[in-house]
N, C-alpha and C. Protein backbone atom coordinates (compact mmCIF):
# COMPACT_ATOMS: atom_id res chain seq x y z
N UNK A 1 45.80 -3.58 -46.21
CA UNK A 1 45.82 -4.54 -45.13
C UNK A 1 45.29 -3.95 -43.83
N UNK A 2 45.63 -2.73 -43.60
CA UNK A 2 45.22 -2.06 -42.38
C UNK A 2 43.70 -1.95 -42.32
N UNK A 3 43.06 -1.64 -43.44
CA UNK A 3 41.60 -1.52 -43.47
C UNK A 3 40.97 -2.89 -43.23
N UNK A 4 41.54 -3.91 -43.81
CA UNK A 4 41.02 -5.26 -43.62
C UNK A 4 41.15 -5.69 -42.16
N UNK A 5 42.26 -5.32 -41.56
CA UNK A 5 42.48 -5.66 -40.16
C UNK A 5 41.48 -4.92 -39.26
N UNK A 6 41.24 -3.66 -39.58
CA UNK A 6 40.25 -2.88 -38.82
C UNK A 6 38.87 -3.50 -38.97
N UNK A 7 38.51 -3.86 -40.18
CA UNK A 7 37.20 -4.45 -40.43
C UNK A 7 37.07 -5.77 -39.68
N UNK A 8 38.10 -6.56 -39.72
CA UNK A 8 38.09 -7.85 -39.03
C UNK A 8 37.97 -7.65 -37.53
N UNK A 9 38.73 -6.70 -37.01
CA UNK A 9 38.67 -6.40 -35.58
C UNK A 9 37.27 -5.93 -35.18
N UNK A 10 36.70 -5.05 -35.98
CA UNK A 10 35.34 -4.56 -35.70
C UNK A 10 34.34 -5.72 -35.70
N UNK A 11 34.49 -6.58 -36.67
CA UNK A 11 33.59 -7.72 -36.78
C UNK A 11 33.71 -8.63 -35.57
N UNK A 12 34.94 -8.90 -35.15
CA UNK A 12 35.17 -9.77 -34.00
C UNK A 12 34.63 -9.11 -32.73
N UNK A 13 34.92 -7.83 -32.56
CA UNK A 13 34.43 -7.12 -31.37
C UNK A 13 32.90 -7.10 -31.34
N UNK A 14 32.30 -6.83 -32.49
CA UNK A 14 30.84 -6.79 -32.55
C UNK A 14 30.27 -8.15 -32.18
N UNK A 15 30.87 -9.20 -32.69
CA UNK A 15 30.39 -10.55 -32.40
C UNK A 15 30.60 -10.91 -30.93
N UNK A 16 31.71 -10.51 -30.38
CA UNK A 16 32.01 -10.82 -28.98
C UNK A 16 31.16 -9.99 -28.02
N UNK A 17 30.86 -8.76 -28.41
CA UNK A 17 30.11 -7.88 -27.52
C UNK A 17 28.59 -8.04 -27.65
N UNK A 18 28.14 -8.72 -28.66
CA UNK A 18 26.70 -8.89 -28.88
C UNK A 18 26.00 -9.53 -27.67
N UNK A 19 26.53 -10.63 -27.12
CA UNK A 19 25.87 -11.21 -25.94
C UNK A 19 25.84 -10.25 -24.75
N UNK A 20 26.90 -9.46 -24.60
CA UNK A 20 26.94 -8.48 -23.51
C UNK A 20 25.85 -7.44 -23.71
N UNK A 21 25.69 -6.97 -24.94
CA UNK A 21 24.64 -5.99 -25.24
C UNK A 21 23.25 -6.58 -24.99
N UNK A 22 23.07 -7.84 -25.37
CA UNK A 22 21.78 -8.48 -25.16
C UNK A 22 21.48 -8.62 -23.67
N UNK A 23 22.47 -9.03 -22.90
CA UNK A 23 22.27 -9.16 -21.45
C UNK A 23 21.99 -7.80 -20.82
N UNK A 24 22.71 -6.79 -21.26
CA UNK A 24 22.49 -5.44 -20.75
C UNK A 24 21.08 -4.97 -21.05
N UNK A 25 20.60 -5.29 -22.24
CA UNK A 25 19.24 -4.92 -22.62
C UNK A 25 18.23 -5.60 -21.70
N UNK A 26 18.43 -6.88 -21.44
CA UNK A 26 17.52 -7.62 -20.54
C UNK A 26 17.57 -7.04 -19.12
N UNK A 27 18.76 -6.68 -18.67
CA UNK A 27 18.89 -6.09 -17.34
C UNK A 27 18.13 -4.76 -17.28
N UNK A 28 18.25 -3.96 -18.31
CA UNK A 28 17.55 -2.67 -18.34
C UNK A 28 16.04 -2.88 -18.36
N UNK A 29 15.57 -3.87 -19.11
CA UNK A 29 14.14 -4.15 -19.14
C UNK A 29 13.66 -4.62 -17.78
N UNK A 30 14.45 -5.47 -17.14
CA UNK A 30 14.09 -5.95 -15.81
C UNK A 30 14.05 -4.80 -14.81
N UNK A 31 15.00 -3.90 -14.93
CA UNK A 31 15.04 -2.74 -14.03
C UNK A 31 13.80 -1.88 -14.23
N UNK A 32 13.39 -1.68 -15.47
CA UNK A 32 12.18 -0.89 -15.73
C UNK A 32 10.94 -1.58 -15.16
N UNK A 33 10.87 -2.90 -15.32
CA UNK A 33 9.74 -3.64 -14.76
C UNK A 33 9.73 -3.53 -13.24
N UNK A 34 10.89 -3.62 -12.63
CA UNK A 34 10.98 -3.48 -11.16
C UNK A 34 10.55 -2.09 -10.71
N UNK A 35 10.93 -1.09 -11.45
CA UNK A 35 10.54 0.28 -11.11
C UNK A 35 9.03 0.44 -11.22
N UNK A 36 8.44 -0.14 -12.27
CA UNK A 36 6.98 -0.07 -12.40
C UNK A 36 6.31 -0.80 -11.24
N UNK A 37 6.86 -1.96 -10.89
CA UNK A 37 6.31 -2.72 -9.77
C UNK A 37 6.43 -1.96 -8.46
N UNK A 38 7.56 -1.30 -8.27
CA UNK A 38 7.76 -0.52 -7.05
C UNK A 38 6.76 0.64 -6.98
N UNK A 39 6.54 1.30 -8.10
CA UNK A 39 5.56 2.40 -8.10
C UNK A 39 4.17 1.89 -7.78
N UNK A 40 3.83 0.72 -8.34
CA UNK A 40 2.51 0.15 -8.05
C UNK A 40 2.40 -0.21 -6.57
N UNK A 41 3.46 -0.77 -6.01
CA UNK A 41 3.45 -1.10 -4.57
C UNK A 41 3.33 0.15 -3.71
N UNK A 42 4.05 1.20 -4.08
CA UNK A 42 3.98 2.45 -3.32
C UNK A 42 2.56 3.01 -3.36
N UNK A 43 1.93 2.91 -4.53
CA UNK A 43 0.55 3.39 -4.65
C UNK A 43 -0.38 2.55 -3.77
N UNK A 44 -0.17 1.24 -3.76
CA UNK A 44 -0.99 0.36 -2.93
C UNK A 44 -0.79 0.65 -1.45
N UNK A 45 0.45 0.87 -1.05
CA UNK A 45 0.74 1.18 0.35
C UNK A 45 0.07 2.49 0.75
N UNK A 46 0.12 3.48 -0.12
CA UNK A 46 -0.53 4.76 0.18
C UNK A 46 -2.03 4.57 0.34
N UNK A 47 -2.63 3.74 -0.52
CA UNK A 47 -4.07 3.48 -0.42
C UNK A 47 -4.40 2.75 0.87
N UNK A 48 -3.56 1.79 1.23
CA UNK A 48 -3.79 1.04 2.48
C UNK A 48 -3.67 1.98 3.68
N UNK A 49 -2.68 2.87 3.64
CA UNK A 49 -2.54 3.82 4.75
C UNK A 49 -3.77 4.71 4.86
N UNK A 50 -4.29 5.13 3.72
CA UNK A 50 -5.50 5.96 3.73
C UNK A 50 -6.68 5.16 4.28
N UNK A 51 -6.80 3.91 3.84
CA UNK A 51 -7.89 3.05 4.34
C UNK A 51 -7.79 2.85 5.85
N UNK A 52 -6.58 2.63 6.34
CA UNK A 52 -6.37 2.42 7.78
C UNK A 52 -6.79 3.68 8.55
N UNK A 53 -6.39 4.84 8.03
CA UNK A 53 -6.77 6.10 8.68
C UNK A 53 -8.28 6.24 8.73
N UNK A 54 -8.95 5.93 7.62
CA UNK A 54 -10.41 6.02 7.58
C UNK A 54 -11.04 5.03 8.56
N UNK A 55 -10.48 3.83 8.64
CA UNK A 55 -11.00 2.84 9.59
C UNK A 55 -10.82 3.30 11.03
N UNK A 56 -9.68 3.92 11.31
CA UNK A 56 -9.44 4.42 12.67
C UNK A 56 -10.44 5.51 13.02
N UNK A 57 -10.71 6.38 12.07
CA UNK A 57 -11.71 7.44 12.31
C UNK A 57 -13.08 6.82 12.56
N UNK A 58 -13.42 5.82 11.73
CA UNK A 58 -14.70 5.13 11.91
C UNK A 58 -14.78 4.40 13.24
N UNK A 59 -13.67 3.80 13.64
CA UNK A 59 -13.64 3.08 14.92
C UNK A 59 -13.85 4.06 16.07
N UNK A 60 -13.20 5.22 16.00
CA UNK A 60 -13.39 6.21 17.07
C UNK A 60 -14.84 6.67 17.12
N UNK A 61 -15.44 6.89 15.96
CA UNK A 61 -16.84 7.31 15.93
C UNK A 61 -17.73 6.23 16.52
N UNK A 62 -17.45 4.98 16.20
CA UNK A 62 -18.22 3.87 16.74
C UNK A 62 -18.06 3.77 18.25
N UNK A 63 -16.82 3.93 18.72
CA UNK A 63 -16.58 3.90 20.16
C UNK A 63 -17.34 5.02 20.87
N UNK A 64 -17.36 6.20 20.26
CA UNK A 64 -18.12 7.32 20.84
C UNK A 64 -19.61 7.00 20.88
N UNK A 65 -20.11 6.38 19.81
CA UNK A 65 -21.52 6.02 19.76
C UNK A 65 -21.86 4.99 20.83
N UNK A 66 -20.99 3.99 20.98
CA UNK A 66 -21.21 2.96 22.01
C UNK A 66 -21.19 3.60 23.40
N UNK A 67 -20.26 4.50 23.62
CA UNK A 67 -20.18 5.18 24.92
C UNK A 67 -21.45 5.98 25.18
N UNK A 68 -21.97 6.64 24.16
CA UNK A 68 -23.20 7.42 24.31
C UNK A 68 -24.38 6.50 24.60
N UNK A 69 -24.42 5.37 23.90
CA UNK A 69 -25.51 4.41 24.15
C UNK A 69 -25.43 3.87 25.57
N UNK A 70 -24.23 3.56 26.04
CA UNK A 70 -24.07 3.06 27.41
C UNK A 70 -24.53 4.11 28.41
N UNK A 71 -24.21 5.37 28.13
CA UNK A 71 -24.63 6.45 29.03
C UNK A 71 -26.16 6.57 29.02
N UNK A 72 -26.75 6.46 27.82
CA UNK A 72 -28.21 6.54 27.72
C UNK A 72 -28.88 5.39 28.46
N UNK A 73 -28.31 4.19 28.34
CA UNK A 73 -28.86 3.02 29.03
C UNK A 73 -28.76 3.22 30.55
N UNK A 74 -27.64 3.75 31.00
CA UNK A 74 -27.48 3.99 32.43
C UNK A 74 -28.52 5.00 32.93
N UNK A 75 -28.78 6.03 32.12
CA UNK A 75 -29.79 7.03 32.51
C UNK A 75 -31.18 6.40 32.52
N UNK A 76 -31.44 5.55 31.52
CA UNK A 76 -32.75 4.88 31.49
C UNK A 76 -32.92 3.95 32.70
N UNK A 77 -31.86 3.24 33.05
CA UNK A 77 -31.92 2.36 34.21
C UNK A 77 -32.14 3.16 35.48
N UNK A 78 -31.46 4.30 35.59
CA UNK A 78 -31.65 5.15 36.78
C UNK A 78 -33.07 5.68 36.82
N UNK A 79 -33.59 6.07 35.66
CA UNK A 79 -34.98 6.54 35.61
C UNK A 79 -35.96 5.44 35.95
N UNK A 80 -35.68 4.22 35.46
CA UNK A 80 -36.54 3.08 35.76
C UNK A 80 -36.53 2.77 37.26
N UNK A 81 -35.38 2.83 37.88
CA UNK A 81 -35.29 2.58 39.32
C UNK A 81 -36.05 3.64 40.11
N UNK A 82 -35.91 4.89 39.66
CA UNK A 82 -36.63 5.98 40.35
C UNK A 82 -38.13 5.78 40.19
N UNK A 83 -38.55 5.36 39.01
CA UNK A 83 -39.98 5.13 38.78
C UNK A 83 -40.49 3.97 39.62
N UNK A 84 -39.69 2.90 39.72
CA UNK A 84 -40.06 1.77 40.54
C UNK A 84 -40.17 2.15 42.01
N UNK A 85 -39.29 3.01 42.45
CA UNK A 85 -39.35 3.48 43.83
C UNK A 85 -40.61 4.31 44.07
N UNK A 86 -40.93 5.16 43.08
CA UNK A 86 -42.14 5.98 43.21
C UNK A 86 -43.37 5.08 43.25
N UNK A 87 -43.39 4.05 42.40
CA UNK A 87 -44.55 3.15 42.37
C UNK A 87 -44.61 2.39 43.69
N UNK A 88 -43.49 2.00 44.23
CA UNK A 88 -43.47 1.25 45.48
C UNK A 88 -43.96 2.11 46.64
N UNK A 89 -43.77 3.38 46.58
CA UNK A 89 -44.21 4.26 47.66
C UNK A 89 -45.67 4.53 47.45
């Protein structure tokens, strides 16, 4: 009788715990998917940060180029004015 009772108890416990095990499995799968998603997001964020840094470097270079062009234009204008004055004299 004791063995039958143990077997019955095991069977009942197994049947009762099966949904819990299934839910736990789904939770673990969801957690793994979330971790994969988080790693992908972290990789994307790192790439975006690198892109932003490269854009900032490019922007500074462009600003320097514009400043140099403005300086060159100012020198050309000064030279043109000096030439006009020489021609006027």
